[in-house]
Amino acid sequence: MEDQNNNQLNIELSEEIAEGIYSNLAIITHSQSEFVVDFIKLMPGVPKAKVKSRIVLTPQHAKRLMKALKDNISKFEQVNGTIKDTDMPNALPLNFGGPTAQA
C-alpha cells in the first residue's frame, strides 16, 4: 500500500506573514529569465512610496500565476458581480530600466 503522504505538501505560514501586506500598486518588470513583481502602497497626497514586497518568478511560474488569478477573478465575479476596473492616472514616472506594466 502506497503512503498517501508522498503527494502532500506541508506549507508553513508564520504569524507575521499571515498578517499580509497591503498593496494598491504592483509594478512588473521582466528579463529573459525572470519576472519581478514589486508590491507598493501609495498613500494619497504623499509623493513617495516604498516597495513593500518583491516577488521574483520564473516565466513559467509567472504564467501559472496569471492563469490562477484569471480563474479566481472569474469565480469571484460569478458570485459577486463584475469588478469595476478603474484607470490609474499616468502621472507616475515608473521606469526601472526594463519592460514594465502596472496592476
N, C-alpha and C. Protein backbone atom coordinates (compact mmCIF):
# COMPACT_ATOMS: atom_id res chain seq x y z
N MET A 1 0.84 -1.19 0.00
CA MET A 1 0.00 0.00 0.00
C MET A 1 0.88 1.25 0.00
N GLU A 2 0.60 2.17 -0.91
CA GLU A 2 1.42 3.37 -1.06
C GLU A 2 1.10 4.39 0.03
N ASP A 3 2.14 5.03 0.53
CA ASP A 3 1.97 6.06 1.56
C ASP A 3 1.34 7.30 0.93
N GLN A 4 0.16 7.69 1.42
CA GLN A 4 -0.55 8.83 0.83
C GLN A 4 0.14 10.15 1.12
N ASN A 5 1.03 10.21 2.10
CA ASN A 5 1.72 11.45 2.44
C ASN A 5 2.76 11.85 1.39
N ASN A 6 3.11 10.95 0.47
CA ASN A 6 4.10 11.28 -0.56
C ASN A 6 3.61 12.37 -1.49
N ASN A 7 2.29 12.53 -1.65
CA ASN A 7 1.74 13.52 -2.57
C ASN A 7 1.28 14.79 -1.87
N GLN A 8 1.59 14.94 -0.58
CA GLN A 8 1.16 16.11 0.15
C GLN A 8 2.32 17.08 0.32
N LEU A 9 1.99 18.37 0.32
CA LEU A 9 2.98 19.41 0.53
C LEU A 9 2.61 20.13 1.82
N ASN A 10 3.53 20.18 2.74
CA ASN A 10 3.31 20.85 4.01
C ASN A 10 3.82 22.28 3.90
N ILE A 11 2.92 23.24 3.91
CA ILE A 11 3.28 24.65 3.77
C ILE A 11 3.10 25.33 5.11
N GLU A 12 4.15 25.97 5.60
CA GLU A 12 4.10 26.67 6.88
C GLU A 12 3.83 28.15 6.62
N LEU A 13 3.04 28.76 7.50
CA LEU A 13 2.70 30.17 7.41
C LEU A 13 2.91 30.81 8.77
N SER A 14 3.95 31.64 8.88
CA SER A 14 4.23 32.28 10.17
C SER A 14 3.18 33.35 10.45
N GLU A 15 3.05 33.73 11.71
CA GLU A 15 2.07 34.76 12.09
C GLU A 15 2.36 36.08 11.37
N GLU A 16 3.62 36.43 11.27
CA GLU A 16 4.00 37.69 10.62
C GLU A 16 3.57 37.71 9.15
N ILE A 17 3.85 36.64 8.43
CA ILE A 17 3.49 36.56 7.02
C ILE A 17 1.98 36.45 6.87
N ALA A 18 1.31 35.77 7.79
CA ALA A 18 -0.15 35.59 7.72
C ALA A 18 -0.89 36.92 7.80
N GLU A 19 -0.30 37.92 8.43
CA GLU A 19 -0.92 39.24 8.51
C GLU A 19 -1.05 39.90 7.13
N GLY A 20 -0.15 39.55 6.23
CA GLY A 20 -0.19 40.12 4.89
C GLY A 20 0.35 41.54 4.84
N ILE A 21 0.51 42.03 3.62
CA ILE A 21 0.96 43.40 3.39
C ILE A 21 0.01 44.02 2.39
N TYR A 22 -0.54 45.19 2.73
CA TYR A 22 -1.47 45.86 1.84
C TYR A 22 -0.70 46.50 0.69
N SER A 23 -1.25 46.36 -0.51
CA SER A 23 -0.66 46.97 -1.70
C SER A 23 -1.77 47.46 -2.59
N ASN A 24 -1.61 48.67 -3.13
CA ASN A 24 -2.58 49.19 -4.10
C ASN A 24 -1.91 49.52 -5.43
N LEU A 25 -0.69 49.04 -5.62
CA LEU A 25 0.02 49.20 -6.88
C LEU A 25 1.03 48.07 -7.02
N ALA A 26 1.09 47.47 -8.18
CA ALA A 26 2.11 46.47 -8.47
C ALA A 26 2.84 46.89 -9.74
N ILE A 27 4.14 46.88 -9.70
CA ILE A 27 4.98 47.18 -10.86
C ILE A 27 5.64 45.87 -11.28
N ILE A 28 5.48 45.53 -12.54
CA ILE A 28 6.01 44.27 -13.05
C ILE A 28 7.08 44.56 -14.08
N THR A 29 8.27 43.99 -13.88
CA THR A 29 9.35 44.09 -14.86
C THR A 29 9.80 42.66 -15.18
N HIS A 30 10.49 42.51 -16.30
CA HIS A 30 10.96 41.17 -16.63
C HIS A 30 12.23 41.22 -17.46
N SER A 31 12.95 40.11 -17.39
CA SER A 31 14.10 39.85 -18.25
C SER A 31 13.80 38.55 -18.97
N GLN A 32 14.76 38.00 -19.66
CA GLN A 32 14.53 36.72 -20.35
C GLN A 32 14.36 35.57 -19.37
N SER A 33 14.89 35.71 -18.16
CA SER A 33 14.87 34.58 -17.24
C SER A 33 13.97 34.74 -16.02
N GLU A 34 13.45 35.96 -15.79
CA GLU A 34 12.62 36.15 -14.60
C GLU A 34 11.64 37.31 -14.73
N PHE A 35 10.57 37.22 -13.95
CA PHE A 35 9.62 38.30 -13.78
C PHE A 35 9.78 38.81 -12.36
N VAL A 36 9.76 40.12 -12.18
CA VAL A 36 9.86 40.73 -10.86
C VAL A 36 8.59 41.53 -10.63
N VAL A 37 7.90 41.23 -9.53
CA VAL A 37 6.68 41.94 -9.17
C VAL A 37 6.94 42.68 -7.87
N ASP A 38 6.91 44.02 -7.94
CA ASP A 38 7.07 44.86 -6.75
C ASP A 38 5.70 45.33 -6.31
N PHE A 39 5.36 45.06 -5.05
CA PHE A 39 4.09 45.48 -4.48
C PHE A 39 4.34 46.74 -3.64
N ILE A 40 3.55 47.79 -3.92
CA ILE A 40 3.76 49.11 -3.36
C ILE A 40 2.47 49.60 -2.73
N LYS A 41 2.60 50.40 -1.66
CA LYS A 41 1.44 51.04 -1.05
C LYS A 41 1.56 52.54 -1.28
N LEU A 42 0.65 53.08 -2.11
CA LEU A 42 0.59 54.52 -2.36
C LEU A 42 -0.38 55.15 -1.36
N MET A 43 0.00 56.26 -0.79
CA MET A 43 -0.87 56.98 0.12
C MET A 43 -1.26 58.32 -0.52
N PRO A 44 -2.53 58.71 -0.40
CA PRO A 44 -2.98 59.97 -1.01
C PRO A 44 -2.17 61.16 -0.48
N GLY A 45 -1.73 62.02 -1.39
CA GLY A 45 -1.02 63.22 -1.02
C GLY A 45 0.43 63.03 -0.62
N VAL A 46 0.92 61.80 -0.67
CA VAL A 46 2.31 61.53 -0.31
C VAL A 46 3.08 61.19 -1.59
N PRO A 47 4.05 62.02 -1.96
CA PRO A 47 4.73 61.82 -3.25
C PRO A 47 5.76 60.70 -3.24
N LYS A 48 5.97 60.05 -2.10
CA LYS A 48 6.97 58.99 -2.01
C LYS A 48 6.29 57.69 -1.56
N ALA A 49 6.70 56.59 -2.16
CA ALA A 49 6.15 55.29 -1.78
C ALA A 49 7.27 54.28 -1.75
N LYS A 50 7.16 53.29 -0.86
CA LYS A 50 8.17 52.26 -0.74
C LYS A 50 7.63 50.93 -1.27
N VAL A 51 8.53 50.15 -1.85
CA VAL A 51 8.19 48.78 -2.21
C VAL A 51 8.02 48.02 -0.91
N LYS A 52 6.87 47.40 -0.72
CA LYS A 52 6.58 46.66 0.50
C LYS A 52 6.97 45.19 0.38
N SER A 53 6.96 44.67 -0.85
CA SER A 53 7.32 43.28 -1.06
C SER A 53 7.75 43.10 -2.52
N ARG A 54 8.72 42.24 -2.74
CA ARG A 54 9.17 41.93 -4.09
C ARG A 54 9.14 40.42 -4.27
N ILE A 55 8.50 39.97 -5.35
CA ILE A 55 8.43 38.55 -5.66
C ILE A 55 9.13 38.34 -7.01
N VAL A 56 10.05 37.39 -7.06
CA VAL A 56 10.77 37.06 -8.29
C VAL A 56 10.29 35.69 -8.74
N LEU A 57 9.85 35.61 -10.01
CA LEU A 57 9.26 34.38 -10.55
C LEU A 57 9.96 33.97 -11.84
N THR A 58 9.99 32.67 -12.10
CA THR A 58 10.41 32.22 -13.43
C THR A 58 9.28 32.56 -14.41
N PRO A 59 9.56 32.64 -15.69
CA PRO A 59 8.49 32.89 -16.65
C PRO A 59 7.36 31.86 -16.56
N GLN A 60 7.70 30.59 -16.31
CA GLN A 60 6.69 29.55 -16.20
C GLN A 60 5.78 29.79 -14.98
N HIS A 61 6.37 30.16 -13.86
CA HIS A 61 5.57 30.44 -12.67
C HIS A 61 4.73 31.71 -12.85
N ALA A 62 5.28 32.70 -13.54
CA ALA A 62 4.52 33.92 -13.80
C ALA A 62 3.27 33.60 -14.63
N LYS A 63 3.43 32.72 -15.62
CA LYS A 63 2.28 32.36 -16.45
C LYS A 63 1.26 31.56 -15.65
N ARG A 64 1.72 30.66 -14.77
CA ARG A 64 0.80 29.91 -13.91
C ARG A 64 0.06 30.85 -12.96
N LEU A 65 0.76 31.85 -12.44
CA LEU A 65 0.12 32.83 -11.56
C LEU A 65 -0.94 33.61 -12.32
N MET A 66 -0.64 34.02 -13.55
CA MET A 66 -1.61 34.74 -14.36
C MET A 66 -2.87 33.90 -14.58
N LYS A 67 -2.69 32.63 -14.91
CA LYS A 67 -3.84 31.74 -15.13
C LYS A 67 -4.64 31.55 -13.85
N ALA A 68 -3.94 31.39 -12.71
CA ALA A 68 -4.63 31.20 -11.44
C ALA A 68 -5.41 32.46 -11.04
N LEU A 69 -4.81 33.64 -11.26
CA LEU A 69 -5.52 34.89 -10.97
C LEU A 69 -6.75 35.03 -11.86
N LYS A 70 -6.60 34.73 -13.15
CA LYS A 70 -7.72 34.83 -14.08
C LYS A 70 -8.86 33.91 -13.64
N ASP A 71 -8.52 32.68 -13.27
CA ASP A 71 -9.52 31.71 -12.82
C ASP A 71 -10.21 32.19 -11.54
N ASN A 72 -9.44 32.69 -10.58
CA ASN A 72 -10.00 33.15 -9.32
C ASN A 72 -10.85 34.40 -9.49
N ILE A 73 -10.44 35.31 -10.36
CA ILE A 73 -11.24 36.52 -10.63
C ILE A 73 -12.56 36.13 -11.27
N SER A 74 -12.51 35.19 -12.20
CA SER A 74 -13.73 34.72 -12.85
C SER A 74 -14.70 34.13 -11.82
N LYS A 75 -14.19 33.29 -10.92
CA LYS A 75 -15.03 32.69 -9.89
C LYS A 75 -15.58 33.75 -8.94
N PHE A 76 -14.76 34.73 -8.57
CA PHE A 76 -15.20 35.82 -7.71
C PHE A 76 -16.33 36.60 -8.36
N GLU A 77 -16.16 36.93 -9.65
CA GLU A 77 -17.17 37.74 -10.36
C GLU A 77 -18.47 36.97 -10.56
N GLN A 78 -18.42 35.65 -10.68
CA GLN A 78 -19.65 34.86 -10.79
C GLN A 78 -20.49 35.00 -9.53
N VAL A 79 -19.85 35.12 -8.39
CA VAL A 79 -20.56 35.23 -7.12
C VAL A 79 -20.88 36.68 -6.77
N ASN A 80 -19.94 37.59 -7.03
CA ASN A 80 -20.04 38.96 -6.53
C ASN A 80 -20.32 40.02 -7.59
N GLY A 81 -20.36 39.64 -8.84
CA GLY A 81 -20.56 40.62 -9.91
C GLY A 81 -19.22 41.13 -10.44
N THR A 82 -19.30 41.81 -11.55
CA THR A 82 -18.10 42.29 -12.24
C THR A 82 -17.33 43.29 -11.38
N ILE A 83 -16.03 43.11 -11.33
CA ILE A 83 -15.16 44.05 -10.63
C ILE A 83 -14.99 45.27 -11.53
N LYS A 84 -15.28 46.45 -11.00
CA LYS A 84 -15.14 47.68 -11.78
C LYS A 84 -13.65 47.98 -11.94
N ASP A 85 -13.22 48.15 -13.17
CA ASP A 85 -11.83 48.44 -13.47
C ASP A 85 -11.65 49.95 -13.54
N THR A 86 -10.86 50.51 -12.64
CA THR A 86 -10.63 51.95 -12.65
C THR A 86 -9.24 52.22 -13.19
N ASP A 87 -9.12 53.25 -14.01
CA ASP A 87 -7.83 53.61 -14.57
C ASP A 87 -7.01 54.39 -13.55
N MET A 88 -5.73 54.06 -13.49
CA MET A 88 -4.82 54.84 -12.65
C MET A 88 -4.30 56.00 -13.47
N PRO A 89 -4.12 57.15 -12.85
CA PRO A 89 -3.55 58.27 -13.59
C PRO A 89 -2.14 57.93 -14.06
N ASN A 90 -1.80 58.40 -15.24
CA ASN A 90 -0.47 58.13 -15.79
C ASN A 90 0.57 59.12 -15.29
N ALA A 91 0.35 59.67 -14.12
CA ALA A 91 1.26 60.66 -13.56
C ALA A 91 2.46 60.01 -12.88
N LEU A 92 2.54 58.69 -12.88
CA LEU A 92 3.63 58.03 -12.20
C LEU A 92 4.75 57.69 -13.18
N PRO A 93 5.87 58.38 -13.10
CA PRO A 93 7.00 58.07 -13.99
C PRO A 93 7.77 56.87 -13.46
N LEU A 94 7.26 55.69 -13.72
CA LEU A 94 7.86 54.49 -13.17
C LEU A 94 8.55 53.69 -14.26
N ASN A 95 9.85 53.81 -14.31
CA ASN A 95 10.63 53.04 -15.28
C ASN A 95 11.92 52.64 -14.60
N PHE A 96 12.09 51.35 -14.39
CA PHE A 96 13.25 50.85 -13.68
C PHE A 96 14.25 50.19 -14.65
N GLY A 97 14.23 50.59 -15.90
CA GLY A 97 15.24 50.09 -16.82
C GLY A 97 14.84 48.88 -17.63
N GLY A 98 13.62 48.41 -17.51
CA GLY A 98 13.19 47.25 -18.29
C GLY A 98 11.73 47.39 -18.67
N PRO A 99 11.19 46.43 -19.40
CA PRO A 99 9.78 46.48 -19.73
C PRO A 99 8.95 46.45 -18.45
N THR A 100 7.94 47.31 -18.38
CA THR A 100 7.14 47.38 -17.15
C THR A 100 5.66 47.33 -17.47
N ALA A 101 4.90 46.96 -16.46
CA ALA A 101 3.45 47.00 -16.52
C ALA A 101 2.98 47.35 -15.11
N GLN A 102 1.81 47.96 -15.02
CA GLN A 102 1.26 48.31 -13.71
C GLN A 102 -0.03 47.54 -13.50
N ALA A 103 -0.27 47.16 -12.26
CA ALA A 103 -1.51 46.46 -11.91
C ALA A 103 -2.00 46.99 -10.58
